[in-house]
N, C-alpha and C. Protein backbone atom coordinates (compact mmCIF):
# COMPACT_ATOMS: atom_id res chain seq x y z
N MET A 1 31.34 7.14 44.11
CA MET A 1 30.22 7.40 43.65
C MET A 1 29.41 8.43 44.40
N ALA A 2 28.99 9.60 43.82
CA ALA A 2 28.05 10.59 44.49
C ALA A 2 26.85 10.45 44.18
N VAL A 3 26.32 9.84 45.49
CA VAL A 3 24.65 9.79 45.43
C VAL A 3 24.09 11.02 45.77
N LYS A 4 23.00 11.27 44.70
CA LYS A 4 22.42 12.66 44.92
C LYS A 4 20.80 12.17 44.90
N MET A 5 20.03 13.07 45.44
CA MET A 5 18.76 12.93 45.58
C MET A 5 18.27 14.03 44.59
N ARG A 6 17.38 13.70 43.74
CA ARG A 6 17.05 14.85 42.84
C ARG A 6 15.65 14.79 42.04
N LEU A 7 15.21 15.42 41.20
CA LEU A 7 14.05 15.60 40.70
C LEU A 7 14.18 14.99 38.92
N MET A 8 13.31 14.06 38.61
CA MET A 8 13.56 13.34 37.51
C MET A 8 12.44 13.87 36.66
N ARG A 9 12.10 14.54 35.66
CA ARG A 9 11.06 15.29 34.91
C ARG A 9 10.38 14.08 34.04
N ILE A 10 9.19 14.06 34.43
CA ILE A 10 8.11 12.96 33.41
C ILE A 10 6.97 13.87 33.19
N GLY A 11 6.23 13.69 32.43
CA GLY A 11 4.88 14.16 31.85
C GLY A 11 4.90 14.71 30.71
N LYS A 12 3.90 15.25 30.08
CA LYS A 12 3.77 15.66 28.85
C LYS A 12 4.25 17.49 28.74
N THR A 13 4.44 17.78 27.55
CA THR A 13 5.24 19.22 27.30
C THR A 13 4.05 20.15 28.20
N LYS A 14 4.70 21.15 28.70
CA LYS A 14 4.16 22.14 29.69
C LYS A 14 3.24 21.57 30.62
N GLN A 15 3.33 20.24 31.08
CA GLN A 15 2.49 19.70 32.00
C GLN A 15 3.54 18.81 32.78
N PRO A 16 4.53 19.27 33.55
CA PRO A 16 5.73 18.68 34.18
C PRO A 16 4.79 18.03 35.45
N VAL A 17 5.69 16.95 35.69
CA VAL A 17 5.53 15.95 36.99
C VAL A 17 6.69 15.53 37.30
N TYR A 18 6.86 15.64 38.37
CA TYR A 18 8.49 14.90 38.87
C TYR A 18 8.39 13.76 39.54
N ARG A 19 9.50 13.14 39.58
CA ARG A 19 9.80 12.04 40.55
C ARG A 19 10.78 12.48 41.27
N VAL A 20 11.09 12.00 42.67
CA VAL A 20 11.96 12.45 43.60
C VAL A 20 12.75 10.93 43.33
N VAL A 21 14.03 10.95 43.14
CA VAL A 21 14.93 9.74 42.87
C VAL A 21 16.12 9.95 43.70
N VAL A 22 16.75 8.90 43.82
CA VAL A 22 18.15 8.49 44.17
C VAL A 22 19.06 8.01 43.14
N MET A 23 20.09 8.64 42.66
CA MET A 23 20.73 8.39 41.77
C MET A 23 22.31 8.69 41.67
N ASP A 24 22.84 8.25 40.74
CA ASP A 24 24.19 8.66 41.01
C ASP A 24 24.42 9.68 40.12
N GLY A 25 25.21 10.92 40.74
CA GLY A 25 25.11 12.26 40.35
C GLY A 25 25.76 12.40 39.08
N ARG A 26 26.41 11.52 38.47
CA ARG A 26 26.89 11.65 37.24
C ARG A 26 26.17 11.49 36.13
N LYS A 27 25.02 10.85 36.45
CA LYS A 27 24.05 10.27 35.55
C LYS A 27 23.27 11.71 34.80
N PRO A 28 22.65 11.57 33.72
CA PRO A 28 21.92 12.59 33.19
C PRO A 28 20.63 12.81 33.98
N ARG A 29 19.85 13.89 33.89
CA ARG A 29 18.68 14.08 34.79
C ARG A 29 17.58 13.08 34.62
N ASP A 30 17.42 12.60 33.39
CA ASP A 30 16.35 11.54 33.14
C ASP A 30 16.91 10.22 33.24
N GLY A 31 18.27 9.96 33.47
CA GLY A 31 18.69 8.78 33.34
C GLY A 31 18.42 7.75 34.25
N ARG A 32 19.25 6.54 34.66
CA ARG A 32 18.85 5.76 35.22
C ARG A 32 19.03 5.77 36.71
N TYR A 33 17.86 5.41 37.42
CA TYR A 33 18.19 5.92 38.77
C TYR A 33 17.97 4.73 39.85
N ILE A 34 18.32 4.75 40.92
CA ILE A 34 18.41 3.66 41.99
C ILE A 34 17.31 3.19 42.50
N GLU A 35 16.63 4.10 42.99
CA GLU A 35 15.28 4.26 43.65
C GLU A 35 14.42 5.54 43.82
N GLN A 36 13.10 5.33 43.68
CA GLN A 36 12.05 6.24 43.36
C GLN A 36 11.67 6.55 44.86
N ILE A 37 11.80 7.71 45.36
CA ILE A 37 11.14 7.61 46.90
C ILE A 37 10.14 8.75 47.10
N GLY A 38 9.61 9.14 45.82
CA GLY A 38 8.43 10.42 45.93
C GLY A 38 8.11 10.53 44.55
N ARG A 39 7.06 11.74 44.71
CA ARG A 39 6.71 12.10 43.57
C ARG A 39 6.23 13.72 43.51
N TYR A 40 6.41 14.53 42.83
CA TYR A 40 6.08 16.14 43.18
C TYR A 40 5.34 16.60 41.77
N ASP A 41 4.08 17.20 41.87
CA ASP A 41 3.45 17.82 41.03
C ASP A 41 3.15 19.26 41.25
N PRO A 42 3.75 20.16 40.77
CA PRO A 42 3.78 21.33 41.14
C PRO A 42 2.56 22.22 40.40
N ARG A 43 1.37 21.68 39.53
CA ARG A 43 0.44 22.17 38.87
C ARG A 43 -0.95 22.26 40.05
N PRO A 44 -1.09 21.56 40.42
CA PRO A 44 -2.46 21.83 41.32
C PRO A 44 -2.10 22.89 42.31
N ASP A 45 -3.12 23.38 42.77
CA ASP A 45 -2.94 24.23 44.10
C ASP A 45 -3.64 23.73 45.27
N PRO A 46 -2.87 23.44 46.25
CA PRO A 46 -1.82 23.51 46.48
C PRO A 46 -1.07 22.25 45.86
N SER A 47 0.25 22.26 45.71
CA SER A 47 1.14 21.38 44.65
C SER A 47 1.04 20.13 45.67
N LEU A 48 1.11 18.85 44.99
CA LEU A 48 1.29 17.43 45.44
C LEU A 48 2.82 17.05 46.05
N VAL A 49 3.12 16.92 47.38
CA VAL A 49 4.06 16.08 47.41
C VAL A 49 4.22 14.97 48.15
N GLU A 50 4.64 13.88 47.68
CA GLU A 50 4.30 12.72 48.07
C GLU A 50 5.86 11.93 48.45
N ILE A 51 6.40 11.82 49.50
CA ILE A 51 7.78 11.42 49.80
C ILE A 51 7.39 10.24 50.88
N ASP A 52 8.40 9.13 50.36
CA ASP A 52 8.33 7.98 51.48
C ASP A 52 9.60 8.31 52.52
N ASN A 53 9.04 8.86 53.82
CA ASN A 53 9.94 9.44 54.38
C ASN A 53 11.06 8.60 54.93
N ASP A 54 10.81 7.33 55.49
CA ASP A 54 11.32 6.18 55.88
C ASP A 54 12.54 5.99 54.75
N ARG A 55 12.25 5.96 53.57
CA ARG A 55 13.33 5.50 52.77
C ARG A 55 14.35 6.99 52.51
N ALA A 56 13.62 8.17 52.65
CA ALA A 56 14.42 9.32 52.43
C ALA A 56 15.31 9.45 53.66
N VAL A 57 14.79 9.08 54.83
CA VAL A 57 15.79 9.41 56.05
C VAL A 57 16.88 8.32 55.48
N ASP A 58 16.61 7.27 55.22
CA ASP A 58 17.69 6.32 55.05
C ASP A 58 18.62 6.47 54.18
N TRP A 59 18.38 6.93 53.19
CA TRP A 59 19.35 7.49 52.21
C TRP A 59 20.01 8.78 52.69
N LEU A 60 19.60 9.67 53.31
CA LEU A 60 20.31 10.98 53.64
C LEU A 60 21.18 10.42 54.73
N GLY A 61 20.73 9.19 55.69
CA GLY A 61 21.93 8.68 56.51
C GLY A 61 23.03 7.96 55.83
N LYS A 62 22.79 7.54 54.67
CA LYS A 62 23.80 6.67 53.89
C LYS A 62 24.92 7.70 53.28
N GLY A 63 24.39 9.09 53.43
CA GLY A 63 25.17 10.20 52.67
C GLY A 63 24.68 10.49 51.26
N ALA A 64 23.41 10.49 50.82
CA ALA A 64 22.83 10.68 49.45
C ALA A 64 22.91 12.46 50.00
N GLN A 65 22.95 13.26 49.02
CA GLN A 65 22.98 14.68 48.98
C GLN A 65 21.88 15.22 48.08
N PRO A 66 20.84 15.91 48.72
CA PRO A 66 19.72 16.41 48.01
C PRO A 66 19.94 17.64 47.26
N THR A 67 19.20 17.93 45.86
CA THR A 67 19.50 19.22 45.51
C THR A 67 18.94 20.18 46.58
N GLU A 68 18.89 21.58 45.97
CA GLU A 68 17.85 22.45 46.59
C GLU A 68 16.75 22.33 46.57
N THR A 69 16.01 21.79 45.44
CA THR A 69 14.55 21.56 45.44
C THR A 69 14.23 20.61 46.02
N VAL A 70 14.97 19.45 46.16
CA VAL A 70 14.64 18.38 46.90
C VAL A 70 14.69 18.58 48.34
N ARG A 71 15.77 19.33 48.89
CA ARG A 71 15.82 19.47 49.89
C ARG A 71 14.74 20.35 50.70
N LYS A 72 14.11 21.21 49.92
CA LYS A 72 12.77 21.97 50.32
C LYS A 72 11.68 20.79 50.43
N LEU A 73 11.46 20.19 49.53
CA LEU A 73 10.56 18.95 49.39
C LEU A 73 10.45 18.44 50.51
N LEU A 74 11.60 17.78 50.72
CA LEU A 74 12.24 16.91 52.07
C LEU A 74 11.73 17.59 53.57
N GLU A 75 11.94 18.94 53.59
CA GLU A 75 11.56 19.78 54.79
C GLU A 75 10.20 19.88 54.67
N ILE A 76 9.32 20.02 53.70
CA ILE A 76 7.80 20.19 53.71
C ILE A 76 7.30 18.72 54.18
N SER A 77 7.93 17.80 53.77
CA SER A 77 7.39 16.34 53.95
C SER A 77 7.82 15.94 55.27
N GLY A 78 8.69 16.70 56.02
CA GLY A 78 9.20 16.50 57.73
C GLY A 78 10.13 15.38 57.18
N ALA A 79 10.72 14.59 56.30
CA ALA A 79 11.97 13.89 56.37
C ALA A 79 13.18 14.37 56.69
N PHE A 80 13.36 15.79 56.23
CA PHE A 80 14.71 16.25 56.53
C PHE A 80 15.08 16.61 58.22
N GLY A 81 13.82 17.23 58.72
CA GLY A 81 13.71 17.30 60.10
C GLY A 81 14.32 15.90 60.91
N ARG A 82 13.53 14.98 60.44
CA ARG A 82 13.77 13.45 61.13
C ARG A 82 15.21 13.25 61.01
N HIS A 83 15.86 13.45 59.88
CA HIS A 83 17.19 13.12 59.80
C HIS A 83 17.88 14.01 60.59
N ALA A 84 17.63 14.98 60.76
CA ALA A 84 18.44 15.98 61.56
C ALA A 84 18.52 15.60 63.15
N VAL A 85 17.12 14.84 63.73
CA VAL A 85 17.01 14.47 64.83
C VAL A 85 17.91 13.24 64.87
N ALA A 86 17.73 12.37 63.88
CA ALA A 86 18.08 11.11 64.19
C ALA A 86 19.85 10.85 63.96
N SER A 87 20.45 12.21 63.30
CA SER A 87 22.01 12.33 63.22
C SER A 87 22.27 13.06 64.21
N GLY A 88 21.43 13.63 65.16
CA GLY A 88 22.19 14.27 66.43
C GLY A 88 22.34 15.64 66.09
N LYS A 89 22.10 16.11 65.16
CA LYS A 89 22.28 17.77 64.45
C LYS A 89 21.39 18.72 65.11
N VAL A 90 20.06 18.04 65.54
CA VAL A 90 19.22 18.89 66.18
C VAL A 90 18.92 18.08 67.39
N HIS A 91 18.78 18.73 68.82
CA HIS A 91 18.66 18.08 70.13
C HIS A 91 17.20 18.24 70.49
N THR A 92 16.45 17.29 70.91
CA THR A 92 15.05 17.66 71.19
C THR A 92 14.80 17.15 72.47
N VAL A 93 14.04 17.81 73.28
CA VAL A 93 13.53 17.37 74.68
C VAL A 93 12.11 16.45 74.44
N GLY A 94 12.26 15.62 75.10
CA GLY A 94 11.10 14.68 75.36
C GLY A 94 9.97 15.46 75.53
N ALA A 95 8.65 15.07 75.28
CA ALA A 95 7.39 16.05 75.59
C ALA A 95 7.22 15.61 77.20
N ALA A 96 6.89 16.69 77.92
CA ALA A 96 6.61 16.53 79.23
C ALA A 96 5.37 15.85 79.31
N ALA A 97 5.15 15.16 80.31
CA ALA A 97 3.82 14.28 80.92
C ALA A 97 2.65 15.17 80.75
N PRO A 98 1.88 15.20 80.41
CA PRO A 98 0.54 15.89 80.60
C PRO A 98 0.02 15.86 82.22
N THR A 99 -0.34 17.14 82.82
CA THR A 99 -0.56 17.24 84.14
C THR A 99 -2.37 16.94 83.73
N GLU A 100 -2.56 16.17 84.93
CA GLU A 100 -3.93 15.63 84.82
C GLU A 100 -4.73 16.88 85.75
N THR A 101 -5.55 17.55 85.17
CA THR A 101 -6.58 18.52 85.67
C THR A 101 -7.83 18.03 86.18
N PRO A 102 -8.54 18.38 87.34
CA PRO A 102 -9.61 17.75 87.35
C PRO A 102 -10.83 18.15 86.93
N VAL A 103 -11.72 17.04 86.41
CA VAL A 103 -12.85 17.55 85.57
C VAL A 103 -13.95 17.93 86.13
N VAL A 104 -14.34 19.04 86.03
CA VAL A 104 -15.65 19.67 86.85
C VAL A 104 -16.81 19.60 85.68
N THR A 105 -17.99 19.12 86.13
CA THR A 105 -19.26 19.12 85.38
C THR A 105 -19.73 20.29 85.56
N ASP A 106 -20.64 20.85 84.95
CA ASP A 106 -21.78 21.94 85.20
C ASP A 106 -22.52 21.58 86.40
N ASP A 107 -22.83 20.49 86.62
CA ASP A 107 -23.72 20.15 87.56
C ASP A 107 -22.96 20.34 88.86
N GLU A 108 -21.88 19.81 88.97
CA GLU A 108 -20.98 20.24 90.17
C GLU A 108 -20.75 21.65 90.44
N VAL A 109 -20.47 22.38 89.37
CA VAL A 109 -20.61 23.77 89.65
C VAL A 109 -21.79 24.22 90.30
N GLY A 110 -22.83 24.04 89.39
CA GLY A 110 -24.16 24.58 89.90
C GLY A 110 -24.78 24.28 91.25
N GLU A 111 -24.10 22.79 91.77
CA GLU A 111 -24.58 22.72 93.16
C GLU A 111 -23.67 23.44 94.20
N ASP A 112 -22.30 23.66 93.84
CA ASP A 112 -21.35 24.46 94.78
C ASP A 112 -21.86 25.92 94.65
N ALA A 113 -22.50 26.43 93.64
CA ALA A 113 -22.82 27.81 93.75
C ALA A 113 -23.88 28.14 94.28
N ILE A 114 -24.67 27.20 94.29
CA ILE A 114 -26.14 27.34 94.99
C ILE A 114 -25.91 27.04 96.50
N SER A 115 -25.41 26.21 96.65
CA SER A 115 -25.21 25.84 98.42
C SER A 115 -24.22 27.27 98.80
N ALA A 116 -23.47 27.84 98.12
CA ALA A 116 -22.75 28.77 98.53
C ALA A 116 -23.69 29.85 98.72
N GLU A 117 -24.74 30.24 97.63
CA GLU A 117 -25.41 31.19 97.79
C GLU A 117 -26.58 31.17 99.21
N ILE A 118 -26.77 29.92 99.29
CA ILE A 118 -27.92 29.31 100.35
C ILE A 118 -27.06 29.98 101.58
N ASN A 119 -26.01 29.72 101.85
CA ASN A 119 -25.02 29.84 102.88
C ASN A 119 -24.90 31.24 103.27
N GLU A 120 -24.86 31.82 102.25
CA GLU A 120 -24.72 33.43 102.50
C GLU A 120 -25.85 34.11 102.93
N SER A 121 -27.23 33.63 102.28
CA SER A 121 -28.34 34.17 102.36
C SER A 121 -28.58 33.85 104.02
N GLU A 122 -28.34 32.68 104.47
CA GLU A 122 -28.91 32.26 105.83
C GLU A 122 -27.96 33.07 106.88
N GLU A 123 -26.84 33.68 106.75
CA GLU A 123 -25.94 34.26 107.44
C GLU A 123 -26.35 35.66 107.71
N GLU A 124 -26.86 36.35 106.59
CA GLU A 124 -27.61 37.56 106.59
C GLU A 124 -28.85 37.54 107.39
């Protein structure tokens, strides 16, 4: 069975809304699906993309093939990048530990600057 991730059209005439579904690739576009993992509404600006990234990564790991449009939506939501990292196709380096910088308040800067000016004026 060829499992695909594709869009399923719902909505009224000239007002499309799509479901992102996982289904058998041999089924018709609006046929029976295995699982709905998100939705896509292209009409508002910006368009609405809601995808359950955990379920999408799970299905990609099981071998489901996304269509071109669904692949773009998965890239937008971040699921495709998570899948690439999880499968080892992309190597990531762990984030370096942040170095601690000393916190200097305005009062400390002001006192040091004033004491330096006083010392300079006394030497003259």
